[in-house]
Protein backbone atom coordinates (compact mmCIF):
# COMPACT_ATOMS: atom_id res chain seq x y z
CA MET A 1 51.85 167.00 88.39
CA VAL A 2 53.32 164.15 90.96
CA ALA A 3 56.86 164.50 89.04
CA THR A 4 56.80 167.99 89.33
CA ASN A 5 55.97 168.23 93.16
CA TRP A 6 57.62 165.10 94.57
CA PRO A 7 61.18 163.55 93.65
CA VAL A 8 59.49 160.28 92.36
CA GLN A 9 62.29 159.29 90.09
CA GLU A 10 64.90 159.96 92.75
CA LEU A 11 62.98 157.92 95.17
CA HIS A 12 62.56 155.06 92.68
CA GLN A 13 66.31 155.33 92.15
CA ARG A 14 66.92 154.96 96.13
CA TYR A 15 64.60 151.92 96.06
CA GLU A 16 66.47 150.27 93.28
CA LYS A 17 69.76 150.72 94.96
CA PHE A 18 68.84 149.44 98.34
CA ILE A 19 67.29 146.41 96.81
CA THR A 20 70.58 145.88 94.88
CA ASP A 21 72.88 146.49 97.53
CA PHE A 22 70.93 144.27 100.09
CA ARG A 23 70.40 141.70 97.61
CA GLU A 24 74.11 141.26 97.56
CA PHE A 25 74.25 140.97 101.40
CA PHE A 26 71.43 138.41 101.26
CA HIS A 27 73.49 136.17 99.01
CA LEU A 28 76.44 136.31 101.44
CA VAL A 29 74.28 135.66 104.37
CA GLU A 30 72.72 132.52 102.39
CA GLN A 31 76.05 131.14 101.76
CA GLU A 32 77.39 131.31 105.09
CA ASP A 33 76.52 128.69 107.59
CA GLU A 34 76.19 130.68 110.52
CA LEU A 35 76.46 134.45 110.65
CA ASP A 36 78.60 135.97 113.43
CA PRO A 37 76.24 137.60 115.74
CA LEU A 38 78.08 141.11 115.68
CA GLN A 39 78.05 140.92 111.83
CA ALA A 40 74.36 140.19 111.75
CA PHE A 41 73.75 143.18 114.25
CA GLN A 42 75.87 145.48 112.11
CA LEU A 43 74.12 144.35 108.97
CA ARG A 44 70.66 144.77 110.65
CA ILE A 45 71.46 148.26 111.66
CA LEU A 46 72.78 149.31 108.37
CA LEU A 47 69.74 148.00 106.53
CA ILE A 48 67.24 149.74 108.83
CA HIS A 49 69.21 152.92 108.59
CA GLN A 50 69.23 152.81 104.80
CA PHE A 51 65.82 151.89 104.50
CA ARG A 52 64.66 154.91 106.78
CA ARG A 53 66.47 157.30 105.03
CA ILE A 54 64.34 156.37 101.91
CA LEU A 55 61.16 156.19 103.80
CA LEU A 56 61.91 159.77 105.14
CA LYS A 57 61.72 161.14 101.75
CA ASP A 58 58.75 159.00 100.48
CA PRO A 59 55.66 160.95 100.31
CA ASN A 60 53.53 157.77 100.44
CA LEU A 61 51.44 158.84 97.49
CA PRO A 62 48.55 156.57 96.37
CA PHE A 63 49.67 153.82 93.85
CA GLU A 64 47.31 155.28 91.11
CA LEU A 65 49.66 158.29 91.12
CA LEU A 66 52.99 156.29 90.82
CA PRO A 67 54.62 154.74 87.97
CA SER A 68 53.56 151.38 87.31
CA ASN A 69 57.25 150.09 88.05
CA TRP A 70 57.15 151.58 91.48
CA LEU A 71 59.40 149.74 93.97
CA SER A 72 58.10 150.48 97.29
CA LEU A 73 57.51 147.75 99.80
CA ASN A 74 54.03 148.99 100.34
CA ALA A 75 53.06 148.12 96.71
């Protein structure tokens, strides 16, 4: 019933892509001694924008109804 009424698989893929994409940025930031303030601001805005796009579609269902491998940060 959950998969029929909500795009759970699509949301899972979006969370996966978000984590994968920003993990790469995290590694870049770790390697830099000091991140340029403008670049840090741009990265933060991009991260927030991408994450909010996912949250707007997330129905925030109870964890009991979600797949066991659910990637939401609320888990």
